[in-house]
Amino acid sequence: MELRIENMTCGGCARAVTKAIQSVDADANVTADPVSRTIKVETNANTAEVRQTLQQAGYPAVN
């Protein structure tokens, strides 16, 4: 899945987003790009679960 995260603006944010997603699925593969504010996620978790986790971490995904 590919998601846009408006408030992911730096490498620290990208690490926080990755950590949040991997708390749901430790084997998730996350590619974060703070410049474009997008992430690409390969995970066994469903989209709703990933979005909820990001919301709780302070990095809500937008459409």
Protein backbone atom coordinates (compact mmCIF):
# COMPACT_ATOMS: atom_id res chain seq x y z
CA MET A 1 0.00 0.00 0.00
CA GLU A 2 1.09 3.57 -0.53
CA LEU A 3 0.08 6.31 1.90
CA ARG A 4 0.67 10.04 2.19
CA ILE A 5 1.61 11.44 5.60
CA GLU A 6 1.53 15.24 5.61
CA ASN A 7 3.44 15.76 8.85
CA MET A 8 6.31 13.35 8.05
CA THR A 9 8.93 15.97 7.27
CA CYS A 10 12.28 14.48 8.28
CA GLY A 11 14.25 11.31 8.83
CA GLY A 12 13.21 11.16 12.48
CA CYS A 13 9.56 11.24 11.44
CA ALA A 14 10.22 8.49 8.90
CA ARG A 15 11.81 6.31 11.60
CA ALA A 16 8.83 6.92 13.92
CA VAL A 17 6.40 5.96 11.15
CA THR A 18 8.38 2.82 10.37
CA LYS A 19 8.55 1.85 14.05
CA ALA A 20 4.79 2.37 14.43
CA ILE A 21 3.98 0.14 11.47
CA GLN A 22 6.44 -2.52 12.59
CA SER A 23 4.75 -2.57 16.02
CA VAL A 24 1.75 -4.08 14.22
CA ASP A 25 3.75 -6.31 11.85
CA ALA A 26 7.40 -6.83 12.79
CA ASP A 27 8.12 -8.15 9.28
CA ALA A 28 6.62 -5.14 7.49
CA ASN A 29 8.79 -3.54 4.83
CA VAL A 30 8.44 0.25 4.96
CA THR A 31 9.98 2.67 2.47
CA ALA A 32 9.52 6.23 3.68
CA ASP A 33 10.24 9.36 1.64
CA PRO A 34 10.01 12.50 3.81
CA VAL A 35 10.53 14.79 0.78
CA SER A 36 7.36 13.59 -0.95
CA ARG A 37 5.76 12.72 2.42
CA THR A 38 4.82 9.24 1.22
CA ILE A 39 5.42 5.72 2.45
CA LYS A 40 5.22 2.39 0.70
CA VAL A 41 4.34 -0.51 2.95
CA GLU A 42 4.48 -4.23 2.35
CA THR A 43 2.71 -5.86 5.28
CA ASN A 44 0.34 -8.62 6.31
CA ALA A 45 -1.63 -6.10 8.39
CA ASN A 46 -4.76 -4.64 6.82
CA THR A 47 -4.98 -1.02 5.70
CA ALA A 48 -7.36 0.02 8.49
CA GLU A 49 -5.00 -1.36 11.12
CA VAL A 50 -2.02 0.47 9.62
CA ARG A 51 -3.96 3.74 9.39
CA GLN A 52 -5.16 3.43 13.00
CA THR A 53 -1.61 2.78 14.23
CA LEU A 54 -0.29 5.79 12.32
CA GLN A 55 -3.08 7.96 13.74
CA GLN A 56 -2.21 6.86 17.28
CA ALA A 57 1.48 7.60 16.64
CA GLY A 58 0.64 11.15 15.55
CA TYR A 59 1.21 10.59 11.84
CA PRO A 60 -2.25 10.28 10.26
CA ALA A 61 -2.35 9.10 6.67
CA VAL A 62 -4.38 11.16 4.21
CA ASN A 63 -5.95 10.19 0.89
